[in-house]
Amino acid sequence: MGAYECNKSPLRTQSSNAQEQENLEERLKDLLKQKELVTQQRDLAEKLQHHFSVSEMRSENLHHKLEHVTAQDESLLQTELLQQEQEV
């Protein structure tokens, strides 16, 4: 019976090694999928950051234009008021 157990043991080891190899390959597939998802998320985050920066610059530009136009309007209003006062 001892010889049978010795012959059986390498088969179990081979089966165990094959199962371990299969588990490692499955784990590798899962990790590669996770890596791809992380890469996609990073790329998306970079695109969103770029769009945010562009939007922020546009917003600042519009804000400066609005301030300039408001100052011009105030200046025109003051000029019109002075003209009206001079007419009276």
PDB file of N, CA and C in Angstrom:
ATOM      1  N   MET A   1       0.814  -1.185   0.000  1.00  0.00           N
ATOM      2  CA  MET A   1       0.000   0.000   0.000  1.00  0.00           C
ATOM      3  C   MET A   1       0.865   1.259   0.000  1.00  0.00           C
ATOM      4  N   GLY A   2       2.066   1.157   0.567  1.00  0.00           N
ATOM      5  CA  GLY A   2       2.983   2.276   0.596  1.00  0.00           C
ATOM      6  C   GLY A   2       3.382   2.704  -0.801  1.00  0.00           C
ATOM      7  N   ALA A   3       3.575   1.769  -1.711  1.00  0.00           N
ATOM      8  CA  ALA A   3       3.949   2.090  -3.082  1.00  0.00           C
ATOM      9  C   ALA A   3       2.802   2.815  -3.781  1.00  0.00           C
ATOM     10  N   TYR A   4       1.581   2.410  -3.501  1.00  0.00           N
ATOM     11  CA  TYR A   4       0.420   3.063  -4.108  1.00  0.00           C
ATOM     12  C   TYR A   4       0.341   4.524  -3.667  1.00  0.00           C
ATOM     13  N   GLU A   5       0.590   4.766  -2.365  1.00  0.00           N
ATOM     14  CA  GLU A   5       0.556   6.127  -1.846  1.00  0.00           C
ATOM     15  C   GLU A   5       1.664   6.971  -2.465  1.00  0.00           C
ATOM     16  N   CYS A   6       2.824   6.404  -2.680  1.00  0.00           N
ATOM     17  CA  CYS A   6       3.922   7.147  -3.294  1.00  0.00           C
ATOM     18  C   CYS A   6       3.582   7.517  -4.729  1.00  0.00           C
ATOM     19  N   ASN A   7       2.966   6.589  -5.447  1.00  0.00           N
ATOM     20  CA  ASN A   7       2.563   6.882  -6.826  1.00  0.00           C
ATOM     21  C   ASN A   7       1.430   7.904  -6.862  1.00  0.00           C
ATOM     22  N   LYS A   8       0.566   7.865  -5.900  1.00  0.00           N
ATOM     23  CA  LYS A   8      -0.570   8.779  -5.845  1.00  0.00           C
ATOM     24  C   LYS A   8      -0.110  10.191  -5.497  1.00  0.00           C
ATOM     25  N   SER A   9       0.880  10.326  -4.660  1.00  0.00           N
ATOM     26  CA  SER A   9       1.347  11.616  -4.200  1.00  0.00           C
ATOM     27  C   SER A   9       1.813  12.529  -5.339  1.00  0.00           C
ATOM     28  N   PRO A  10       2.623  12.056  -6.296  1.00  0.00           N
ATOM     29  CA  PRO A  10       3.001  12.941  -7.414  1.00  0.00           C
ATOM     30  C   PRO A  10       1.796  13.376  -8.236  1.00  0.00           C
ATOM     31  N   LEU A  11       0.800  12.508  -8.372  1.00  0.00           N
ATOM     32  CA  LEU A  11      -0.409  12.896  -9.107  1.00  0.00           C
ATOM     33  C   LEU A  11      -1.146  14.004  -8.383  1.00  0.00           C
ATOM     34  N   ARG A  12      -1.225  13.865  -7.076  1.00  0.00           N
ATOM     35  CA  ARG A  12      -1.873  14.922  -6.290  1.00  0.00           C
ATOM     36  C   ARG A  12      -1.090  16.217  -6.407  1.00  0.00           C
ATOM     37  N   THR A  13       0.236  16.109  -6.370  1.00  0.00           N
ATOM     38  CA  THR A  13       1.082  17.291  -6.490  1.00  0.00           C
ATOM     39  C   THR A  13       0.895  17.941  -7.853  1.00  0.00           C
ATOM     40  N   GLN A  14       0.844  17.129  -8.901  1.00  0.00           N
ATOM     41  CA  GLN A  14       0.624  17.668 -10.246  1.00  0.00           C
ATOM     42  C   GLN A  14      -0.745  18.328 -10.346  1.00  0.00           C
ATOM     43  N   SER A  15      -1.750  17.681  -9.775  1.00  0.00           N
ATOM     44  CA  SER A  15      -3.095  18.236  -9.786  1.00  0.00           C
ATOM     45  C   SER A  15      -3.144  19.540  -8.995  1.00  0.00           C
ATOM     46  N   SER A  16      -2.462  19.524  -7.855  1.00  0.00           N
ATOM     47  CA  SER A  16      -2.417  20.719  -7.017  1.00  0.00           C
ATOM     48  C   SER A  16      -1.671  21.844  -7.734  1.00  0.00           C
ATOM     49  N   ASN A  17      -0.559  21.503  -8.394  1.00  0.00           N
ATOM     50  CA  ASN A  17       0.207  22.502  -9.144  1.00  0.00           C
ATOM     51  C   ASN A  17      -0.600  23.049 -10.309  1.00  0.00           C
ATOM     52  N   ALA A  18      -1.327  22.174 -10.983  1.00  0.00           N
ATOM     53  CA  ALA A  18      -2.155  22.613 -12.111  1.00  0.00           C
ATOM     54  C   ALA A  18      -3.251  23.555 -11.616  1.00  0.00           C
ATOM     55  N   GLN A  19      -3.863  23.219 -10.487  1.00  0.00           N
ATOM     56  CA  GLN A  19      -4.903  24.067  -9.911  1.00  0.00           C
ATOM     57  C   GLN A  19      -4.328  25.415  -9.481  1.00  0.00           C
ATOM     58  N   GLU A  20      -3.144  25.373  -8.872  1.00  0.00           N
ATOM     59  CA  GLU A  20      -2.487  26.606  -8.452  1.00  0.00           C
ATOM     60  C   GLU A  20      -2.139  27.465  -9.674  1.00  0.00           C
ATOM     61  N   GLN A  21      -1.651  26.818 -10.737  1.00  0.00           N
ATOM     62  CA  GLN A  21      -1.327  27.536 -11.966  1.00  0.00           C
ATOM     63  C   GLN A  21      -2.586  28.181 -12.545  1.00  0.00           C
ATOM     64  N   GLU A  22      -3.678  27.446 -12.540  1.00  0.00           N
ATOM     65  CA  GLU A  22      -4.952  27.978 -13.051  1.00  0.00           C
ATOM     66  C   GLU A  22      -5.424  29.152 -12.208  1.00  0.00           C
ATOM     67  N   ASN A  23      -5.292  29.023 -10.893  1.00  0.00           N
ATOM     68  CA  ASN A  23      -5.676  30.123  -9.993  1.00  0.00           C
ATOM     69  C   ASN A  23      -4.820  31.366 -10.245  1.00  0.00           C
ATOM     70  N   LEU A  24      -3.517  31.148 -10.440  1.00  0.00           N
ATOM     71  CA  LEU A  24      -2.621  32.281 -10.695  1.00  0.00           C
ATOM     72  C   LEU A  24      -2.952  32.944 -12.031  1.00  0.00           C
ATOM     73  N   GLU A  25      -3.264  32.142 -13.032  1.00  0.00           N
ATOM     74  CA  GLU A  25      -3.622  32.705 -14.334  1.00  0.00           C
ATOM     75  C   GLU A  25      -4.920  33.504 -14.250  1.00  0.00           C
ATOM     76  N   GLU A  26      -5.872  33.004 -13.500  1.00  0.00           N
ATOM     77  CA  GLU A  26      -7.141  33.711 -13.308  1.00  0.00           C
ATOM     78  C   GLU A  26      -6.908  35.018 -12.550  1.00  0.00           C
ATOM     79  N   ARG A  27      -6.063  34.963 -11.544  1.00  0.00           N
ATOM     80  CA  ARG A  27      -5.731  36.167 -10.770  1.00  0.00           C
ATOM     81  C   ARG A  27      -5.035  37.201 -11.663  1.00  0.00           C
ATOM     82  N   LEU A  28      -4.143  36.709 -12.540  1.00  0.00           N
ATOM     83  CA  LEU A  28      -3.459  37.598 -13.469  1.00  0.00           C
ATOM     84  C   LEU A  28      -4.458  38.278 -14.405  1.00  0.00           C
ATOM     85  N   LYS A  29      -5.414  37.510 -14.913  1.00  0.00           N
ATOM     86  CA  LYS A  29      -6.451  38.092 -15.781  1.00  0.00           C
ATOM     87  C   LYS A  29      -7.220  39.180 -15.043  1.00  0.00           C
ATOM     88  N   ASP A  30      -7.593  38.887 -13.803  1.00  0.00           N
ATOM     89  CA  ASP A  30      -8.329  39.872 -13.001  1.00  0.00           C
ATOM     90  C   ASP A  30      -7.504  41.137 -12.773  1.00  0.00           C
ATOM     91  N   LEU A  31      -6.226  40.952 -12.468  1.00  0.00           N
ATOM     92  CA  LEU A  31      -5.361  42.108 -12.234  1.00  0.00           C
ATOM     93  C   LEU A  31      -5.167  42.931 -13.506  1.00  0.00           C
ATOM     94  N   LEU A  32      -5.053  42.264 -14.647  1.00  0.00           N
ATOM     95  CA  LEU A  32      -4.902  42.988 -15.912  1.00  0.00           C
ATOM     96  C   LEU A  32      -6.177  43.775 -16.237  1.00  0.00           C
ATOM     97  N   LYS A  33      -7.339  43.190 -15.936  1.00  0.00           N
ATOM     98  CA  LYS A  33      -8.605  43.909 -16.137  1.00  0.00           C
ATOM     99  C   LYS A  33      -8.662  45.133 -15.225  1.00  0.00           C
ATOM    100  N   GLN A  34      -8.256  44.952 -13.965  1.00  0.00           N
ATOM    101  CA  GLN A  34      -8.248  46.075 -13.023  1.00  0.00           C
ATOM    102  C   GLN A  34      -7.290  47.161 -13.487  1.00  0.00           C
ATOM    103  N   LYS A  35      -6.136  46.747 -13.982  1.00  0.00           N
ATOM    104  CA  LYS A  35      -5.158  47.722 -14.473  1.00  0.00           C
ATOM    105  C   LYS A  35      -5.748  48.505 -15.633  1.00  0.00           C
ATOM    106  N   GLU A  36      -6.434  47.838 -16.542  1.00  0.00           N
ATOM    107  CA  GLU A  36      -7.048  48.514 -17.683  1.00  0.00           C
ATOM    108  C   GLU A  36      -8.114  49.514 -17.215  1.00  0.00           C
ATOM    109  N   LEU A  37      -8.913  49.113 -16.244  1.00  0.00           N
ATOM    110  CA  LEU A  37      -9.935  50.020 -15.712  1.00  0.00           C
ATOM    111  C   LEU A  37      -9.303  51.238 -15.043  1.00  0.00           C
ATOM    112  N   VAL A  38      -8.245  51.019 -14.286  1.00  0.00           N
ATOM    113  CA  VAL A  38      -7.560  52.130 -13.628  1.00  0.00           C
ATOM    114  C   VAL A  38      -6.961  53.069 -14.671  1.00  0.00           C
ATOM    115  N   THR A  39      -6.390  52.486 -15.726  1.00  0.00           N
ATOM    116  CA  THR A  39      -5.819  53.302 -16.798  1.00  0.00           C
ATOM    117  C   THR A  39      -6.904  54.133 -17.473  1.00  0.00           C
ATOM    118  N   GLN A  40      -8.062  53.519 -17.730  1.00  0.00           N
ATOM    119  CA  GLN A  40      -9.169  54.260 -18.336  1.00  0.00           C
ATOM    120  C   GLN A  40      -9.644  55.375 -17.415  1.00  0.00           C
ATOM    121  N   GLN A  41      -9.736  55.094 -16.125  1.00  0.00           N
ATOM    122  CA  GLN A  41     -10.161  56.118 -15.165  1.00  0.00           C
ATOM    123  C   GLN A  41      -9.150  57.261 -15.105  1.00  0.00           C
ATOM    124  N   ARG A  42      -7.863  56.940 -15.147  1.00  0.00           N
ATOM    125  CA  ARG A  42      -6.835  57.980 -15.132  1.00  0.00           C
ATOM    126  C   ARG A  42      -6.941  58.851 -16.380  1.00  0.00           C
ATOM    127  N   ASP A  43      -7.111  58.199 -17.537  1.00  0.00           N
ATOM    128  CA  ASP A  43      -7.236  58.961 -18.785  1.00  0.00           C
ATOM    129  C   ASP A  43      -8.459  59.872 -18.749  1.00  0.00           C
ATOM    130  N   LEU A  44      -9.559  59.346 -18.232  1.00  0.00           N
ATOM    131  CA  LEU A  44     -10.774  60.157 -18.117  1.00  0.00           C
ATOM    132  C   LEU A  44     -10.555  61.324 -17.165  1.00  0.00           C
ATOM    133  N   ALA A  45      -9.888  61.068 -16.049  1.00  0.00           N
ATOM    134  CA  ALA A  45      -9.617  62.134 -15.079  1.00  0.00           C
ATOM    135  C   ALA A  45      -8.746  63.225 -15.709  1.00  0.00           C
ATOM    136  N   GLU A  46      -7.766  62.823 -16.505  1.00  0.00           N
ATOM    137  CA  GLU A  46      -6.914  63.811 -17.172  1.00  0.00           C
ATOM    138  C   GLU A  46      -7.724  64.640 -18.173  1.00  0.00           C
ATOM    139  N   LYS A  47      -8.622  64.001 -18.913  1.00  0.00           N
ATOM    140  CA  LYS A  47      -9.466  64.737 -19.862  1.00  0.00           C
ATOM    141  C   LYS A  47     -10.386  65.702 -19.129  1.00  0.00           C
ATOM    142  N   LEU A  48     -10.974  65.224 -18.043  1.00  0.00           N
ATOM    143  CA  LEU A  48     -11.864  66.090 -17.261  1.00  0.00           C
ATOM    144  C   LEU A  48     -11.096  67.268 -16.665  1.00  0.00           C
ATOM    145  N   GLN A  49      -9.881  67.018 -16.194  1.00  0.00           N
ATOM    146  CA  GLN A  49      -9.061  68.097 -15.647  1.00  0.00           C
ATOM    147  C   GLN A  49      -8.773  69.135 -16.726  1.00  0.00           C
ATOM    148  N   HIS A  50      -8.473  68.675 -17.931  1.00  0.00           N
ATOM    149  CA  HIS A  50      -8.212  69.595 -19.042  1.00  0.00           C
ATOM    150  C   HIS A  50      -9.458  70.425 -19.346  1.00  0.00           C
ATOM    151  N   HIS A  51     -10.616  69.761 -19.449  1.00  0.00           N
ATOM    152  CA  HIS A  51     -11.858  70.481 -19.740  1.00  0.00           C
ATOM    153  C   HIS A  51     -12.172  71.487 -18.632  1.00  0.00           C
ATOM    154  N   PHE A  52     -11.918  71.092 -17.401  1.00  0.00           N
ATOM    155  CA  PHE A  52     -12.159  71.998 -16.279  1.00  0.00           C
ATOM    156  C   PHE A  52     -11.252  73.222 -16.387  1.00  0.00           C
ATOM    157  N   SER A  53      -9.980  72.992 -16.703  1.00  0.00           N
ATOM    158  CA  SER A  53      -9.035  74.107 -16.828  1.00  0.00           C
ATOM    159  C   SER A  53      -9.453  75.060 -17.942  1.00  0.00           C
ATOM    160  N   VAL A  54      -9.870  74.498 -19.072  1.00  0.00           N
ATOM    161  CA  VAL A  54     -10.321  75.324 -20.190  1.00  0.00           C
ATOM    162  C   VAL A  54     -11.559  76.120 -19.780  1.00  0.00           C
ATOM    163  N   SER A  55     -12.501  75.476 -19.121  1.00  0.00           N
ATOM    164  CA  SER A  55     -13.719  76.161 -18.669  1.00  0.00           C
ATOM    165  C   SER A  55     -13.388  77.261 -17.670  1.00  0.00           C
ATOM    166  N   GLU A  56     -12.451  76.973 -16.793  1.00  0.00           N
ATOM    167  CA  GLU A  56     -12.048  77.967 -15.796  1.00  0.00           C
ATOM    168  C   GLU A  56     -11.428  79.189 -16.476  1.00  0.00           C
ATOM    169  N   MET A  57     -10.565  78.950 -17.479  1.00  0.00           N
ATOM    170  CA  MET A  57      -9.953  80.078 -18.202  1.00  0.00           C
ATOM    171  C   MET A  57     -11.018  80.882 -18.944  1.00  0.00           C
ATOM    172  N   ARG A  58     -11.978  80.192 -19.559  1.00  0.00           N
ATOM    173  CA  ARG A  58     -13.056  80.900 -20.264  1.00  0.00           C
ATOM    174  C   ARG A  58     -13.878  81.724 -19.291  1.00  0.00           C
ATOM    175  N   SER A  59     -14.153  81.149 -18.140  1.00  0.00           N
ATOM    176  CA  SER A  59     -14.930  81.858 -17.123  1.00  0.00           C
ATOM    177  C   SER A  59     -14.191  83.119 -16.662  1.00  0.00           C
ATOM    178  N   GLU A  60     -12.901  82.989 -16.410  1.00  0.00           N
ATOM    179  CA  GLU A  60     -12.114  84.153 -15.995  1.00  0.00           C
ATOM    180  C   GLU A  60     -12.090  85.210 -17.098  1.00  0.00           C
ATOM    181  N   ASN A  61     -11.956  84.769 -18.338  1.00  0.00           N
ATOM    182  CA  ASN A  61     -11.947  85.691 -19.467  1.00  0.00           C
ATOM    183  C   ASN A  61     -13.279  86.439 -19.569  1.00  0.00           C
ATOM    184  N   LEU A  62     -14.372  85.702 -19.430  1.00  0.00           N
ATOM    185  CA  LEU A  62     -15.694  86.336 -19.476  1.00  0.00           C
ATOM    186  C   LEU A  62     -15.879  87.305 -18.315  1.00  0.00           C
ATOM    187  N   HIS A  63     -15.374  86.932 -17.158  1.00  0.00           N
ATOM    188  CA  HIS A  63     -15.477  87.798 -15.983  1.00  0.00           C
ATOM    189  C   HIS A  63     -14.733  89.122 -16.229  1.00  0.00           C
ATOM    190  N   HIS A  64     -13.545  89.033 -16.798  1.00  0.00           N
ATOM    191  CA  HIS A  64     -12.772  90.252 -17.096  1.00  0.00           C
ATOM    192  C   HIS A  64     -13.491  91.104 -18.145  1.00  0.00           C
ATOM    193  N   LYS A  65     -14.051  90.462 -19.154  1.00  0.00           N
ATOM    194  CA  LYS A  65     -14.797  91.205 -20.176  1.00  0.00           C
ATOM    195  C   LYS A  65     -16.004  91.900 -19.560  1.00  0.00           C
ATOM    196  N   LEU A  66     -16.696  91.186 -18.679  1.00  0.00           N
ATOM    197  CA  LEU A  66     -17.863  91.765 -18.013  1.00  0.00           C
ATOM    198  C   LEU A  66     -17.460  92.975 -17.170  1.00  0.00           C
ATOM    199  N   GLU A  67     -16.365  92.853 -16.451  1.00  0.00           N
ATOM    200  CA  GLU A  67     -15.893  93.989 -15.657  1.00  0.00           C
ATOM    201  C   GLU A  67     -15.568  95.180 -16.558  1.00  0.00           C
ATOM    202  N   HIS A  68     -14.930  94.918 -17.687  1.00  0.00           N
ATOM    203  CA  HIS A  68     -14.565  95.984 -18.622  1.00  0.00           C
ATOM    204  C   HIS A  68     -15.815  96.665 -19.188  1.00  0.00           C
ATOM    205  N   VAL A  69     -16.772  95.853 -19.612  1.00  0.00           N
ATOM    206  CA  VAL A  69     -18.009  96.406 -20.190  1.00  0.00           C
ATOM    207  C   VAL A  69     -18.786  97.181 -19.126  1.00  0.00           C
ATOM    208  N   THR A  70     -18.821  96.664 -17.914  1.00  0.00           N
ATOM    209  CA  THR A  70     -19.519  97.349 -16.826  1.00  0.00           C
ATOM    210  C   THR A  70     -18.868  98.705 -16.558  1.00  0.00           C
ATOM    211  N   ALA A  71     -17.549  98.728 -16.539  1.00  0.00           N
ATOM    212  CA  ALA A  71     -16.842  99.999 -16.327  1.00  0.00           C
ATOM    213  C   ALA A  71     -17.147 100.976 -17.459  1.00  0.00           C
ATOM    214  N   GLN A  72     -17.193 100.489 -18.689  1.00  0.00           N
ATOM    215  CA  GLN A  72     -17.536 101.354 -19.819  1.00  0.00           C
ATOM    216  C   GLN A  72     -18.958 101.885 -19.690  1.00  0.00           C
ATOM    217  N   ASP A  73     -19.882 101.011 -19.303  1.00  0.00           N
ATOM    218  CA  ASP A  73     -21.275 101.439 -19.133  1.00  0.00           C
ATOM    219  C   ASP A  73     -21.393 102.508 -18.045  1.00  0.00           C
ATOM    220  N   GLU A  74     -20.679 102.302 -16.948  1.00  0.00           N
ATOM    221  CA  GLU A  74     -20.711 103.289 -15.869  1.00  0.00           C
ATOM    222  C   GLU A  74     -20.146 104.626 -16.340  1.00  0.00           C
ATOM    223  N   SER A  75     -19.087 104.563 -17.116  1.00  0.00           N
ATOM    224  CA  SER A  75     -18.480 105.784 -17.640  1.00  0.00           C
ATOM    225  C   SER A  75     -19.451 106.502 -18.579  1.00  0.00           C
ATOM    226  N   LEU A  76     -20.109 105.747 -19.457  1.00  0.00           N
ATOM    227  CA  LEU A  76     -21.089 106.341 -20.370  1.00  0.00           C
ATOM    228  C   LEU A  76     -22.263 106.937 -19.605  1.00  0.00           C
ATOM    229  N   LEU A  77     -22.707 106.251 -18.592  1.00  0.00           N
ATOM    230  CA  LEU A  77     -23.823 106.741 -17.784  1.00  0.00           C
ATOM    231  C   LEU A  77     -23.448 108.058 -17.105  1.00  0.00           C
ATOM    232  N   GLN A  78     -22.234 108.126 -16.560  1.00  0.00           N
ATOM    233  CA  GLN A  78     -21.779 109.366 -15.929  1.00  0.00           C
ATOM    234  C   GLN A  78     -21.709 110.501 -16.949  1.00  0.00           C
ATOM    235  N   THR A  79     -21.221 110.193 -18.130  1.00  0.00           N
ATOM    236  CA  THR A  79     -21.143 111.212 -19.184  1.00  0.00           C
ATOM    237  C   THR A  79     -22.537 111.705 -19.553  1.00  0.00           C
ATOM    238  N   GLU A  80     -23.479 110.811 -19.698  1.00  0.00           N
ATOM    239  CA  GLU A  80     -24.851 111.182 -20.045  1.00  0.00           C
ATOM    240  C   GLU A  80     -25.474 112.025 -18.944  1.00  0.00           C
ATOM    241  N   LEU A  81     -25.220 111.659 -17.691  1.00  0.00           N
ATOM    242  CA  LEU A  81     -25.764 112.435 -16.576  1.00  0.00           C
ATOM    243  C   LEU A  81     -25.188 113.851 -16.563  1.00  0.00           C
ATOM    244  N   LEU A  82     -23.894 113.974 -16.827  1.00  0.00           N
ATOM    245  CA  LEU A  82     -23.270 115.301 -16.880  1.00  0.00           C
ATOM    246  C   LEU A  82     -23.868 116.137 -18.012  1.00  0.00           C
ATOM    247  N   GLN A  83     -24.097 115.476 -19.153  1.00  0.00           N
ATOM    248  CA  GLN A  83     -24.691 116.200 -20.298  1.00  0.00           C
ATOM    249  C   GLN A  83     -26.101 116.658 -19.946  1.00  0.00           C
ATOM    250  N   GLN A  84     -26.842 115.808 -19.285  1.00  0.00           N
ATOM    251  CA  GLN A  84     -28.206 116.177 -18.916  1.00  0.00           C
ATOM    252  C   GLN A  84     -28.197 117.342 -17.927  1.00  0.00           C
ATOM    253  N   GLU A  85     -27.267 117.314 -16.985  1.00  0.00           N
ATOM    254  CA  GLU A  85     -27.166 118.396 -16.010  1.00  0.00           C
ATOM    255  C   GLU A  85     -26.791 119.722 -16.697  1.00  0.00           C
ATOM    256  N   GLN A  86     -25.944 119.647 -17.697  1.00  0.00           N
ATOM    257  CA  GLN A  86     -25.523 120.851 -18.402  1.00  0.00           C
ATOM    258  C   GLN A  86     -26.680 121.412 -19.241  1.00  0.00           C
ATOM    259  N   GLU A  87     -27.538 120.546 -19.721  1.00  0.00           N
ATOM    260  CA  GLU A  87     -28.680 120.992 -20.529  1.00  0.00           C
ATOM    261  C   GLU A  87     -29.717 121.694 -19.664  1.00  0.00           C
ATOM    262  N   VAL A  88     -29.792 121.330 -18.427  1.00  0.00           N
ATOM    263  CA  VAL A  88     -30.813 121.900 -17.546  1.00  0.00           C
ATOM    264  C   VAL A  88     -30.452 123.241 -17.050  1.00  0.00           C
TER     265      VAL A  88
END
